[in-house]
């Protein structure tokens, strides 16, 4: 992933003293170490719980909206100037760092380094920013002596965001912007979103749950054998997890092809005909995916298969009595039982 520009600004916060910005004086030189840091940063970011959305539709670049309303983030306007080469990278990132310093002063009591990178990957261009903290570690010097070493702690990423600049400029997407929202409480999360000028455009966990429900309905409708059902479940989770690892959305048409090469449109048509209200592209939610699997079993002429999220709701297991209780019997099965009687 070629790095077009990169810089680090330091934000110092000591006790009750006001947070202080130590701005970078020049962009970082492009080195192998910086490339490795970017790779680690991307992996850590993709593993985080995130919100997905877009810039506010309010006119970008204004310092304030109409009287009495919330201030408008200048970031979209500054980004537009940077991409049009009317603003240099150092000025762009210093503006972000100054506003972040004020936010940290109000909500956090820790120092950190703000790293900002402008990168290109394939046909896409991205701006990534992350506030990183340090941890004390150890190293071995050239004399084979153990020495203390301060390291950037990628796992402790307080605030971070990623903007798909290509999608933003194209104007066709409402989920080109993602940002972390799992640390520091509601006020900090809302303040960070306001700093970015971000509006949540899609509920990643909700969309992922709806997708999994659509898949469960599809498997039930197709009345697939146990092995085929398990294979399709593994294919779905594998594809969705790979997309999450790359920070890319689940594309419904692509997923449909992954699930069945012989009938590549079958799952996509099922979703469209049943009108689940899903977007063509869904940002995958790792936590929701990790909780999804199918329970299957066969014994004495009885074959049972159901999704794990149904356990405790429409399906209950009584361990003491060794009973499985199905509260909502599938209509097709019910009709067969009634017809038999």
C-alpha atoms as a PDB file:
ATOM      1  CA  UNK A   1       0.000   0.000   0.000  1.00  0.00           C
ATOM      2  CA  UNK A   2       1.940   3.076  -1.187  1.00  0.00           C
ATOM      3  CA  UNK A   3       2.121   5.892   1.354  1.00  0.00           C
ATOM      4  CA  UNK A   4       1.658   9.259  -0.325  1.00  0.00           C
ATOM      5  CA  UNK A   5       2.017  11.349   2.844  1.00  0.00           C
ATOM      6  CA  UNK A   6       2.432  10.663   6.558  1.00  0.00           C
ATOM      7  CA  UNK A   7       3.011  12.678   9.711  1.00  0.00           C
ATOM      8  CA  UNK A   8       2.853  12.406  13.503  1.00  0.00           C
ATOM      9  CA  UNK A   9       1.737  15.116  15.936  1.00  0.00           C
ATOM     10  CA  UNK A  10       2.207  14.637  19.689  1.00  0.00           C
ATOM     11  CA  UNK A  11      -0.451  15.614  22.225  1.00  0.00           C
ATOM     12  CA  UNK A  12       0.864  15.948  25.786  1.00  0.00           C
ATOM     13  CA  UNK A  13      -1.548  15.727  28.704  1.00  0.00           C
ATOM     14  CA  UNK A  14      -0.009  15.780  32.188  1.00  0.00           C
ATOM     15  CA  UNK A  15      -2.302  15.682  35.204  1.00  0.00           C
ATOM     16  CA  UNK A  16      -4.574  18.697  35.494  1.00  0.00           C
ATOM     17  CA  UNK A  17      -2.481  20.823  33.154  1.00  0.00           C
ATOM     18  CA  UNK A  18      -4.100  21.742  29.807  1.00  0.00           C
ATOM     19  CA  UNK A  19      -3.328  19.418  26.908  1.00  0.00           C
ATOM     20  CA  UNK A  20      -0.499  20.738  24.761  1.00  0.00           C
ATOM     21  CA  UNK A  21       0.155  20.050  21.084  1.00  0.00           C
ATOM     22  CA  UNK A  22       3.670  19.402  19.787  1.00  0.00           C
ATOM     23  CA  UNK A  23       3.088  19.704  16.032  1.00  0.00           C
ATOM     24  CA  UNK A  24       5.260  17.982  13.458  1.00  0.00           C
ATOM     25  CA  UNK A  25       7.575  20.269  11.521  1.00  0.00           C
ATOM     26  CA  UNK A  26       7.738  18.083   8.423  1.00  0.00           C
ATOM     27  CA  UNK A  27       6.073  14.982   6.930  1.00  0.00           C
ATOM     28  CA  UNK A  28       7.609  11.603   7.752  1.00  0.00           C
ATOM     29  CA  UNK A  29      10.058  10.120   5.249  1.00  0.00           C
ATOM     30  CA  UNK A  30       8.828   6.977   3.529  1.00  0.00           C
ATOM     31  CA  UNK A  31      10.641   3.974   5.010  1.00  0.00           C
ATOM     32  CA  UNK A  32      10.151   0.221   5.422  1.00  0.00           C
ATOM     33  CA  UNK A  33       9.402   0.817   9.105  1.00  0.00           C
ATOM     34  CA  UNK A  34       6.583   3.197   8.202  1.00  0.00           C
ATOM     35  CA  UNK A  35       5.183   0.623   5.760  1.00  0.00           C
ATOM     36  CA  UNK A  36       5.236  -2.009   8.511  1.00  0.00           C
ATOM     37  CA  UNK A  37       3.539   0.396  10.930  1.00  0.00           C
ATOM     38  CA  UNK A  38       0.783   1.039   8.401  1.00  0.00           C
ATOM     39  CA  UNK A  39       0.184  -2.700   8.016  1.00  0.00           C
ATOM     40  CA  UNK A  40      -0.084  -3.166  11.784  1.00  0.00           C
ATOM     41  CA  UNK A  41      -2.261  -0.097  12.111  1.00  0.00           C
ATOM     42  CA  UNK A  42      -4.710  -1.367   9.490  1.00  0.00           C
ATOM     43  CA  UNK A  43      -4.982  -4.782  11.166  1.00  0.00           C
ATOM     44  CA  UNK A  44      -5.629  -3.207  14.560  1.00  0.00           C
ATOM     45  CA  UNK A  45      -8.184  -0.791  13.116  1.00  0.00           C
ATOM     46  CA  UNK A  46     -10.142  -3.421  11.202  1.00  0.00           C
ATOM     47  CA  UNK A  47     -10.481  -5.440  14.424  1.00  0.00           C
ATOM     48  CA  UNK A  48     -12.115  -2.503  16.245  1.00  0.00           C
ATOM     49  CA  UNK A  49     -15.808  -1.864  16.740  1.00  0.00           C
ATOM     50  CA  UNK A  50     -16.682   0.958  14.342  1.00  0.00           C
ATOM     51  CA  UNK A  51     -19.434   3.238  13.172  1.00  0.00           C
ATOM     52  CA  UNK A  52     -19.923   3.675   9.417  1.00  0.00           C
ATOM     53  CA  UNK A  53     -21.310   6.696   7.637  1.00  0.00           C
ATOM     54  CA  UNK A  54     -20.506   9.869   5.752  1.00  0.00           C
ATOM     55  CA  UNK A  55     -19.832  13.577   6.178  1.00  0.00           C
ATOM     56  CA  UNK A  56     -22.737  15.731   7.268  1.00  0.00           C
ATOM     57  CA  UNK A  57     -24.757  17.090   4.364  1.00  0.00           C
ATOM     58  CA  UNK A  58     -24.354  20.562   5.844  1.00  0.00           C
ATOM     59  CA  UNK A  59     -22.139  22.677   3.631  1.00  0.00           C
ATOM     60  CA  UNK A  60     -18.529  21.671   4.296  1.00  0.00           C
ATOM     61  CA  UNK A  61     -15.906  24.175   5.273  1.00  0.00           C
ATOM     62  CA  UNK A  62     -18.065  26.535   7.330  1.00  0.00           C
ATOM     63  CA  UNK A  63     -16.837  27.201  10.836  1.00  0.00           C
ATOM     64  CA  UNK A  64     -20.376  27.498  12.155  1.00  0.00           C
ATOM     65  CA  UNK A  65     -23.835  26.696  10.942  1.00  0.00           C
ATOM     66  CA  UNK A  66     -26.778  29.015  11.406  1.00  0.00           C
ATOM     67  CA  UNK A  67     -27.064  30.847  14.730  1.00  0.00           C
ATOM     68  CA  UNK A  68     -27.956  28.527  17.583  1.00  0.00           C
ATOM     69  CA  UNK A  69     -26.984  25.311  15.786  1.00  0.00           C
ATOM     70  CA  UNK A  70     -24.014  23.030  16.307  1.00  0.00           C
ATOM     71  CA  UNK A  71     -20.658  24.007  14.755  1.00  0.00           C
ATOM     72  CA  UNK A  72     -19.896  22.411  11.406  1.00  0.00           C
ATOM     73  CA  UNK A  73     -16.637  20.478  11.084  1.00  0.00           C
ATOM     74  CA  UNK A  74     -14.151  22.163   8.752  1.00  0.00           C
ATOM     75  CA  UNK A  75     -12.570  18.802   7.891  1.00  0.00           C
ATOM     76  CA  UNK A  76     -14.481  18.099   4.616  1.00  0.00           C
ATOM     77  CA  UNK A  77     -13.558  21.540   3.292  1.00  0.00           C
ATOM     78  CA  UNK A  78      -9.937  21.149   4.356  1.00  0.00           C
ATOM     79  CA  UNK A  79      -9.780  17.721   2.714  1.00  0.00           C
ATOM     80  CA  UNK A  80     -11.212  19.126  -0.499  1.00  0.00           C
ATOM     81  CA  UNK A  81      -8.545  21.861  -0.468  1.00  0.00           C
ATOM     82  CA  UNK A  82      -5.818  19.277   0.157  1.00  0.00           C
ATOM     83  CA  UNK A  83      -6.948  17.036  -2.687  1.00  0.00           C
ATOM     84  CA  UNK A  84      -7.113  20.089  -4.977  1.00  0.00           C
ATOM     85  CA  UNK A  85      -3.555  20.992  -3.834  1.00  0.00           C
ATOM     86  CA  UNK A  86      -4.698  24.243  -2.236  1.00  0.00           C
ATOM     87  CA  UNK A  87      -3.562  23.057   1.221  1.00  0.00           C
ATOM     88  CA  UNK A  88      -0.473  21.046   2.106  1.00  0.00           C
ATOM     89  CA  UNK A  89      -0.537  17.844   4.154  1.00  0.00           C
ATOM     90  CA  UNK A  90       1.144  19.387   7.198  1.00  0.00           C
ATOM     91  CA  UNK A  91      -1.471  22.151   7.410  1.00  0.00           C
ATOM     92  CA  UNK A  92      -4.299  19.655   6.957  1.00  0.00           C
ATOM     93  CA  UNK A  93      -3.095  17.358   9.712  1.00  0.00           C
ATOM     94  CA  UNK A  94      -2.155  20.161  12.101  1.00  0.00           C
ATOM     95  CA  UNK A  95      -5.729  21.446  11.944  1.00  0.00           C
ATOM     96  CA  UNK A  96      -6.995  17.968  12.847  1.00  0.00           C
ATOM     97  CA  UNK A  97      -4.446  17.717  15.682  1.00  0.00           C
ATOM     98  CA  UNK A  98      -5.417  21.105  17.156  1.00  0.00           C
ATOM     99  CA  UNK A  99      -9.090  20.164  17.320  1.00  0.00           C
ATOM    100  CA  UNK A 100      -8.252  16.723  18.716  1.00  0.00           C
ATOM    101  CA  UNK A 101      -6.108  18.338  21.431  1.00  0.00           C
ATOM    102  CA  UNK A 102      -9.113  20.350  22.601  1.00  0.00           C
ATOM    103  CA  UNK A 103     -11.270  17.214  22.580  1.00  0.00           C
ATOM    104  CA  UNK A 104      -8.759  15.228  24.645  1.00  0.00           C
ATOM    105  CA  UNK A 105      -8.380  18.089  27.089  1.00  0.00           C
ATOM    106  CA  UNK A 106     -12.093  17.871  27.798  1.00  0.00           C
ATOM    107  CA  UNK A 107     -12.505  14.085  27.961  1.00  0.00           C
ATOM    108  CA  UNK A 108      -9.220  12.173  28.444  1.00  0.00           C
ATOM    109  CA  UNK A 109      -6.236  12.473  30.774  1.00  0.00           C
ATOM    110  CA  UNK A 110      -3.649  10.700  28.640  1.00  0.00           C
ATOM    111  CA  UNK A 111      -1.013  11.720  26.132  1.00  0.00           C
ATOM    112  CA  UNK A 112      -0.815  10.257  22.663  1.00  0.00           C
ATOM    113  CA  UNK A 113       0.649  10.476  19.183  1.00  0.00           C
ATOM    114  CA  UNK A 114      -1.682  11.305  16.318  1.00  0.00           C
ATOM    115  CA  UNK A 115      -0.514   9.559  13.168  1.00  0.00           C
ATOM    116  CA  UNK A 116      -2.150  10.549   9.877  1.00  0.00           C
ATOM    117  CA  UNK A 117      -1.507   8.741   6.594  1.00  0.00           C
ATOM    118  CA  UNK A 118      -2.603   9.376   3.031  1.00  0.00           C
ATOM    119  CA  UNK A 119      -2.359   6.057   1.203  1.00  0.00           C
ATOM    120  CA  UNK A 120      -3.295   4.461  -2.081  1.00  0.00           C
ATOM    121  CA  UNK A 121      -4.464   0.871  -2.395  1.00  0.00           C
ATOM    122  CA  UNK A 122      -5.510  -0.435  -5.790  1.00  0.00           C
ATOM    123  CA  UNK A 123      -7.838   2.133  -7.299  1.00  0.00           C
ATOM    124  CA  UNK A 124      -8.700   3.638  -3.910  1.00  0.00           C
ATOM    125  CA  UNK A 125      -7.160   6.442  -1.905  1.00  0.00           C
ATOM    126  CA  UNK A 126      -7.584   6.615   1.877  1.00  0.00           C
ATOM    127  CA  UNK A 127      -6.900   8.987   4.737  1.00  0.00           C
ATOM    128  CA  UNK A 128      -6.276   7.145   8.014  1.00  0.00           C
ATOM    129  CA  UNK A 129      -5.821   8.830  11.376  1.00  0.00           C
ATOM    130  CA  UNK A 130      -5.263   7.222  14.760  1.00  0.00           C
ATOM    131  CA  UNK A 131      -4.407   8.389  18.247  1.00  0.00           C
ATOM    132  CA  UNK A 132      -1.881   5.930  19.655  1.00  0.00           C
ATOM    133  CA  UNK A 133      -0.495   5.617  23.175  1.00  0.00           C
ATOM    134  CA  UNK A 134       2.782   4.164  24.420  1.00  0.00           C
ATOM    135  CA  UNK A 135       3.590   1.119  26.489  1.00  0.00           C
ATOM    136  CA  UNK A 136       6.781   0.224  28.285  1.00  0.00           C
ATOM    137  CA  UNK A 137       8.594  -2.726  26.749  1.00  0.00           C
ATOM    138  CA  UNK A 138      12.043  -4.231  26.451  1.00  0.00           C
ATOM    139  CA  UNK A 139      14.671  -4.597  23.747  1.00  0.00           C
ATOM    140  CA  UNK A 140      18.136  -6.104  23.406  1.00  0.00           C
ATOM    141  CA  UNK A 141      20.919  -3.713  22.330  1.00  0.00           C
ATOM    142  CA  UNK A 142      24.002  -4.411  20.211  1.00  0.00           C
ATOM    143  CA  UNK A 143      25.849  -5.580  23.350  1.00  0.00           C
ATOM    144  CA  UNK A 144      23.096  -8.141  24.069  1.00  0.00           C
ATOM    145  CA  UNK A 145      21.976  -6.196  27.104  1.00  0.00           C
ATOM    146  CA  UNK A 146      18.289  -5.893  27.966  1.00  0.00           C
ATOM    147  CA  UNK A 147      17.183  -2.266  27.848  1.00  0.00           C
ATOM    148  CA  UNK A 148      13.846  -0.502  28.359  1.00  0.00           C
ATOM    149  CA  UNK A 149      12.027   0.549  25.187  1.00  0.00           C
ATOM    150  CA  UNK A 150       8.889   2.615  24.701  1.00  0.00           C
ATOM    151  CA  UNK A 151       6.633   1.247  22.000  1.00  0.00           C
ATOM    152  CA  UNK A 152       3.515   2.425  20.218  1.00  0.00           C
ATOM    153  CA  UNK A 153       0.611   0.369  21.505  1.00  0.00           C
ATOM    154  CA  UNK A 154      -1.474  -0.427  18.429  1.00  0.00           C
ATOM    155  CA  UNK A 155      -3.978  -2.382  20.500  1.00  0.00           C
ATOM    156  CA  UNK A 156      -4.748   0.691  22.623  1.00  0.00           C
ATOM    157  CA  UNK A 157      -6.121   2.843  19.835  1.00  0.00           C
ATOM    158  CA  UNK A 158      -8.274   5.436  21.623  1.00  0.00           C
ATOM    159  CA  UNK A 159      -9.607   7.224  18.556  1.00  0.00           C
ATOM    160  CA  UNK A 160      -9.218   6.374  14.897  1.00  0.00           C
ATOM    161  CA  UNK A 161     -10.942   6.966  11.573  1.00  0.00           C
ATOM    162  CA  UNK A 162     -10.589   5.996   7.931  1.00  0.00           C
ATOM    163  CA  UNK A 163     -11.964   7.923   4.970  1.00  0.00           C
ATOM    164  CA  UNK A 164     -12.253   6.391   1.522  1.00  0.00           C
ATOM    165  CA  UNK A 165     -11.378   9.538  -0.394  1.00  0.00           C
ATOM    166  CA  UNK A 166     -12.142   7.942  -3.755  1.00  0.00           C
ATOM    167  CA  UNK A 167     -15.688   6.959  -2.765  1.00  0.00           C
ATOM    168  CA  UNK A 168     -16.264  10.348  -1.143  1.00  0.00           C
ATOM    169  CA  UNK A 169     -15.262  12.233  -4.268  1.00  0.00           C
ATOM    170  CA  UNK A 170     -17.299   9.901  -6.493  1.00  0.00           C
ATOM    171  CA  UNK A 171     -20.416  10.793  -4.482  1.00  0.00           C
ATOM    172  CA  UNK A 172     -22.155   7.412  -4.850  1.00  0.00           C
ATOM    173  CA  UNK A 173     -21.652   6.021  -1.330  1.00  0.00           C
ATOM    174  CA  UNK A 174     -23.028   6.856   2.126  1.00  0.00           C
ATOM    175  CA  UNK A 175     -20.541   4.693   4.007  1.00  0.00           C
ATOM    176  CA  UNK A 176     -17.114   5.915   2.917  1.00  0.00           C
ATOM    177  CA  UNK A 177     -16.229   7.041   6.451  1.00  0.00           C
ATOM    178  CA  UNK A 178     -15.655   4.784   9.468  1.00  0.00           C
ATOM    179  CA  UNK A 179     -14.535   5.616  12.981  1.00  0.00           C
ATOM    180  CA  UNK A 180     -13.983   3.855  16.309  1.00  0.00           C
ATOM    181  CA  UNK A 181     -16.590   4.194  19.018  1.00  0.00           C
ATOM    182  CA  UNK A 182     -15.651   1.735  21.764  1.00  0.00           C
ATOM    183  CA  UNK A 183     -13.624   3.832  24.210  1.00  0.00           C
ATOM    184  CA  UNK A 184     -13.977   6.819  26.484  1.00  0.00           C
ATOM    185  CA  UNK A 185     -17.732   7.076  26.885  1.00  0.00           C
ATOM    186  CA  UNK A 186     -20.565   8.714  24.992  1.00  0.00           C
ATOM    187  CA  UNK A 187     -19.338  12.313  25.229  1.00  0.00           C
ATOM    188  CA  UNK A 188     -15.944  11.479  23.744  1.00  0.00           C
ATOM    189  CA  UNK A 189     -17.509   9.359  20.983  1.00  0.00           C
ATOM    190  CA  UNK A 190     -19.932  12.114  20.046  1.00  0.00           C
ATOM    191  CA  UNK A 191     -17.175  14.717  20.202  1.00  0.00           C
ATOM    192  CA  UNK A 192     -14.964  12.676  17.896  1.00  0.00           C
ATOM    193  CA  UNK A 193     -17.786  12.202  15.382  1.00  0.00           C
ATOM    194  CA  UNK A 194     -18.440  15.958  15.481  1.00  0.00           C
ATOM    195  CA  UNK A 195     -14.724  16.647  14.950  1.00  0.00           C
ATOM    196  CA  UNK A 196     -14.855  14.509  11.814  1.00  0.00           C
ATOM    197  CA  UNK A 197     -18.176  15.957  10.691  1.00  0.00           C
ATOM    198  CA  UNK A 198     -19.416  12.363  10.595  1.00  0.00           C
ATOM    199  CA  UNK A 199     -22.997  11.141  10.425  1.00  0.00           C
ATOM    200  CA  UNK A 200     -23.740   7.451  10.944  1.00  0.00           C
ATOM    201  CA  UNK A 201     -25.288   6.146   7.737  1.00  0.00           C
ATOM    202  CA  UNK A 202     -25.553   2.430   8.395  1.00  0.00           C
ATOM    203  CA  UNK A 203     -25.825   0.231  11.495  1.00  0.00           C
ATOM    204  CA  UNK A 204     -23.100  -2.365  10.889  1.00  0.00           C
ATOM    205  CA  UNK A 205     -24.217  -4.761  13.640  1.00  0.00           C
ATOM    206  CA  UNK A 206     -27.906  -4.413  12.715  1.00  0.00           C
ATOM    207  CA  UNK A 207     -27.243  -4.912   9.002  1.00  0.00           C
ATOM    208  CA  UNK A 208     -25.042  -7.932   9.733  1.00  0.00           C
ATOM    209  CA  UNK A 209     -27.761  -9.479  11.934  1.00  0.00           C
ATOM    210  CA  UNK A 210     -30.340  -8.921   9.194  1.00  0.00           C
ATOM    211  CA  UNK A 211     -28.032 -10.544   6.648  1.00  0.00           C
ATOM    212  CA  UNK A 212     -27.604 -13.603   8.874  1.00  0.00           C
ATOM    213  CA  UNK A 213     -31.379 -13.809   9.369  1.00  0.00           C
ATOM    214  CA  UNK A 214     -31.830 -13.663   5.587  1.00  0.00           C
ATOM    215  CA  UNK A 215     -29.295 -16.476   5.253  1.00  0.00           C
ATOM    216  CA  UNK A 216     -31.114 -18.593   7.844  1.00  0.00           C
ATOM    217  CA  UNK A 217     -34.394 -18.090   5.990  1.00  0.00           C
ATOM    218  CA  UNK A 218     -32.689 -19.023   2.731  1.00  0.00           C
ATOM    219  CA  UNK A 219     -31.259 -22.249   4.144  1.00  0.00           C
ATOM    220  CA  UNK A 220     -34.658 -23.174   5.584  1.00  0.00           C
ATOM    221  CA  UNK A 221     -36.481 -22.386   2.332  1.00  0.00           C
ATOM    222  CA  UNK A 222     -34.046 -24.440   0.263  1.00  0.00           C
ATOM    223  CA  UNK A 223     -34.375 -27.354   2.729  1.00  0.00           C
ATOM    224  CA  UNK A 224     -30.683 -28.130   2.366  1.00  0.00           C
ATOM    225  CA  UNK A 225     -29.069 -31.289   3.704  1.00  0.00           C
ATOM    226  CA  UNK A 226     -27.081 -30.939   6.912  1.00  0.00           C
ATOM    227  CA  UNK A 227     -23.674 -31.035   5.187  1.00  0.00           C
ATOM    228  CA  UNK A 228     -24.660 -28.511   2.511  1.00  0.00           C
ATOM    229  CA  UNK A 229     -26.077 -26.182   5.148  1.00  0.00           C
ATOM    230  CA  UNK A 230     -22.840 -26.334   7.137  1.00  0.00           C
ATOM    231  CA  UNK A 231     -20.732 -25.714   4.040  1.00  0.00           C
ATOM    232  CA  UNK A 232     -22.736 -22.616   3.110  1.00  0.00           C
ATOM    233  CA  UNK A 233     -22.513 -21.308   6.675  1.00  0.00           C
ATOM    234  CA  UNK A 234     -18.733 -21.746   6.621  1.00  0.00           C
ATOM    235  CA  UNK A 235     -18.564 -20.022   3.225  1.00  0.00           C
ATOM    236  CA  UNK A 236     -20.581 -17.040   4.453  1.00  0.00           C
ATOM    237  CA  UNK A 237     -18.582 -16.584   7.654  1.00  0.00           C
ATOM    238  CA  UNK A 238     -15.301 -17.080   5.790  1.00  0.00           C
ATOM    239  CA  UNK A 239     -16.126 -14.485   3.146  1.00  0.00           C
ATOM    240  CA  UNK A 240     -17.514 -11.962   5.654  1.00  0.00           C
ATOM    241  CA  UNK A 241     -14.532 -12.380   7.993  1.00  0.00           C
ATOM    242  CA  UNK A 242     -12.077 -11.897   5.125  1.00  0.00           C
ATOM    243  CA  UNK A 243     -13.872  -8.680   4.134  1.00  0.00           C
ATOM    244  CA  UNK A 244     -13.743  -7.481   7.737  1.00  0.00           C
ATOM    245  CA  UNK A 245     -10.001  -8.198   7.914  1.00  0.00           C
ATOM    246  CA  UNK A 246      -9.450  -6.046   4.829  1.00  0.00           C
ATOM    247  CA  UNK A 247     -11.751  -3.307   6.024  1.00  0.00           C
ATOM    248  CA  UNK A 248     -14.050  -3.829   3.048  1.00  0.00           C
ATOM    249  CA  UNK A 249     -17.845  -4.272   2.923  1.00  0.00           C
ATOM    250  CA  UNK A 250     -19.806  -7.442   2.214  1.00  0.00           C
ATOM    251  CA  UNK A 251     -21.163  -7.181  -1.319  1.00  0.00           C
ATOM    252  CA  UNK A 252     -24.446  -9.085  -1.594  1.00  0.00           C
ATOM    253  CA  UNK A 253     -23.992 -10.143  -5.219  1.00  0.00           C
ATOM    254  CA  UNK A 254     -20.440 -11.321  -4.536  1.00  0.00           C
ATOM    255  CA  UNK A 255     -21.564 -13.219  -1.430  1.00  0.00           C
ATOM    256  CA  UNK A 256     -24.311 -14.913  -3.450  1.00  0.00           C
ATOM    257  CA  UNK A 257     -21.691 -16.168  -5.900  1.00  0.00           C
ATOM    258  CA  UNK A 258     -19.520 -17.443  -3.044  1.00  0.00           C
ATOM    259  CA  UNK A 259     -22.430 -19.407  -1.554  1.00  0.00           C
ATOM    260  CA  UNK A 260     -23.341 -21.242  -4.755  1.00  0.00           C
ATOM    261  CA  UNK A 261     -21.214 -21.279  -7.896  1.00  0.00           C
ATOM    262  CA  UNK A 262     -23.873 -23.308  -9.730  1.00  0.00           C
ATOM    263  CA  UNK A 263     -26.647 -20.824  -8.900  1.00  0.00           C
ATOM    264  CA  UNK A 264     -24.699 -17.611  -8.228  1.00  0.00           C
ATOM    265  CA  UNK A 265     -27.804 -15.400  -8.136  1.00  0.00           C
ATOM    266  CA  UNK A 266     -29.947 -17.602  -5.862  1.00  0.00           C
ATOM    267  CA  UNK A 267     -29.184 -15.951  -2.497  1.00  0.00           C
ATOM    268  CA  UNK A 268     -29.186 -12.451  -4.002  1.00  0.00           C
ATOM    269  CA  UNK A 269     -32.616 -13.061  -5.553  1.00  0.00           C
ATOM    270  CA  UNK A 270     -33.888 -14.424  -2.217  1.00  0.00           C
ATOM    271  CA  UNK A 271     -32.843 -11.202  -0.459  1.00  0.00           C
ATOM    272  CA  UNK A 272     -34.326  -8.980  -3.150  1.00  0.00           C
ATOM    273  CA  UNK A 273     -37.647 -10.849  -3.359  1.00  0.00           C
ATOM    274  CA  UNK A 274     -38.120 -11.000   0.418  1.00  0.00           C
ATOM    275  CA  UNK A 275     -37.303  -7.284   0.797  1.00  0.00           C
ATOM    276  CA  UNK A 276     -35.092  -7.386   3.902  1.00  0.00           C
ATOM    277  CA  UNK A 277     -34.149  -3.746   3.376  1.00  0.00           C
ATOM    278  CA  UNK A 278     -30.446  -4.527   3.106  1.00  0.00           C
ATOM    279  CA  UNK A 279     -27.986  -2.221   1.375  1.00  0.00           C
ATOM    280  CA  UNK A 280     -26.095  -3.672  -1.628  1.00  0.00           C
ATOM    281  CA  UNK A 281     -22.925  -3.341   0.464  1.00  0.00           C
ATOM    282  CA  UNK A 282     -22.816  -4.065   4.200  1.00  0.00           C
ATOM    283  CA  UNK A 283     -19.965  -3.217   6.577  1.00  0.00           C
ATOM    284  CA  UNK A 284     -19.355  -6.506   8.443  1.00  0.00           C
ATOM    285  CA  UNK A 285     -19.566  -6.505  12.234  1.00  0.00           C
ATOM    286  CA  UNK A 286     -16.986  -8.915  13.647  1.00  0.00           C
ATOM    287  CA  UNK A 287     -18.737  -9.450  16.984  1.00  0.00           C
ATOM    288  CA  UNK A 288     -22.017 -10.416  15.332  1.00  0.00           C
ATOM    289  CA  UNK A 289     -20.252 -12.743  12.909  1.00  0.00           C
ATOM    290  CA  UNK A 290     -18.307 -14.483  15.671  1.00  0.00           C
ATOM    291  CA  UNK A 291     -21.540 -15.363  17.481  1.00  0.00           C
ATOM    292  CA  UNK A 292     -23.154 -16.963  14.424  1.00  0.00           C
ATOM    293  CA  UNK A 293     -22.927 -20.703  13.794  1.00  0.00           C
ATOM    294  CA  UNK A 294     -25.271 -23.590  13.125  1.00  0.00           C
ATOM    295  CA  UNK A 295     -25.990 -26.458  15.495  1.00  0.00           C
ATOM    296  CA  UNK A 296     -26.578 -29.735  13.695  1.00  0.00           C
ATOM    297  CA  UNK A 297     -27.174 -33.322  14.782  1.00  0.00           C
ATOM    298  CA  UNK A 298     -28.549 -36.608  13.514  1.00  0.00           C
ATOM    299  CA  UNK A 299     -29.597 -39.691  15.478  1.00  0.00           C
ATOM    300  CA  UNK A 300     -32.132 -42.496  15.077  1.00  0.00           C
ATOM    301  CA  UNK A 301     -33.823 -41.059  12.019  1.00  0.00           C
ATOM    302  CA  UNK A 302     -34.023 -37.531  13.503  1.00  0.00           C
ATOM    303  CA  UNK A 303     -32.019 -34.729  11.870  1.00  0.00           C
ATOM    304  CA  UNK A 304     -31.935 -31.267  13.486  1.00  0.00           C
ATOM    305  CA  UNK A 305     -30.214 -28.106  12.275  1.00  0.00           C
ATOM    306  CA  UNK A 306     -30.690 -24.531  13.516  1.00  0.00           C
ATOM    307  CA  UNK A 307     -28.800 -21.256  13.917  1.00  0.00           C
ATOM    308  CA  UNK A 308     -27.186 -20.603  17.288  1.00  0.00           C
ATOM    309  CA  UNK A 309     -28.921 -17.247  17.780  1.00  0.00           C
ATOM    310  CA  UNK A 310     -32.288 -19.074  18.006  1.00  0.00           C
ATOM    311  CA  UNK A 311     -31.192 -20.912  21.154  1.00  0.00           C
ATOM    312  CA  UNK A 312     -32.912 -19.314  24.125  1.00  0.00           C
ATOM    313  CA  UNK A 313     -35.656 -17.703  22.055  1.00  0.00           C
ATOM    314  CA  UNK A 314     -37.626 -19.924  19.670  1.00  0.00           C
ATOM    315  CA  UNK A 315     -35.599 -22.995  20.698  1.00  0.00           C
ATOM    316  CA  UNK A 316     -34.800 -24.060  24.267  1.00  0.00           C
ATOM    317  CA  UNK A 317     -32.583 -26.821  25.604  1.00  0.00           C
ATOM    318  CA  UNK A 318     -33.492 -28.494  28.899  1.00  0.00           C
ATOM    319  CA  UNK A 319     -30.256 -30.090  30.054  1.00  0.00           C
ATOM    320  CA  UNK A 320     -31.779 -31.824  33.100  1.00  0.00           C
ATOM    321  CA  UNK A 321     -34.507 -33.539  31.069  1.00  0.00           C
ATOM    322  CA  UNK A 322     -32.341 -33.884  27.927  1.00  0.00           C
ATOM    323  CA  UNK A 323     -35.030 -32.215  25.811  1.00  0.00           C
ATOM    324  CA  UNK A 324     -34.944 -29.749  22.927  1.00  0.00           C
ATOM    325  CA  UNK A 325     -38.077 -27.592  22.795  1.00  0.00           C
ATOM    326  CA  UNK A 326     -39.034 -25.953  19.485  1.00  0.00           C
ATOM    327  CA  UNK A 327     -41.501 -23.113  20.102  1.00  0.00           C
ATOM    328  CA  UNK A 328     -42.069 -22.065  16.493  1.00  0.00           C
ATOM    329  CA  UNK A 329     -42.423 -25.141  14.322  1.00  0.00           C
ATOM    330  CA  UNK A 330     -41.636 -24.416  10.645  1.00  0.00           C
ATOM    331  CA  UNK A 331     -44.822 -24.236   8.568  1.00  0.00           C
ATOM    332  CA  UNK A 332     -43.594 -26.804   6.053  1.00  0.00           C
ATOM    333  CA  UNK A 333     -42.873 -29.306   8.827  1.00  0.00           C
ATOM    334  CA  UNK A 334     -46.185 -28.550  10.542  1.00  0.00           C
ATOM    335  CA  UNK A 335     -48.120 -29.150   7.323  1.00  0.00           C
ATOM    336  CA  UNK A 336     -46.359 -32.501   6.811  1.00  0.00           C
ATOM    337  CA  UNK A 337     -47.165 -33.617  10.369  1.00  0.00           C
ATOM    338  CA  UNK A 338     -50.815 -32.616  10.070  1.00  0.00           C
ATOM    339  CA  UNK A 339     -51.074 -34.338   6.682  1.00  0.00           C
ATOM    340  CA  UNK A 340     -49.656 -37.545   8.149  1.00  0.00           C
ATOM    341  CA  UNK A 341     -52.296 -37.527  10.842  1.00  0.00           C
END
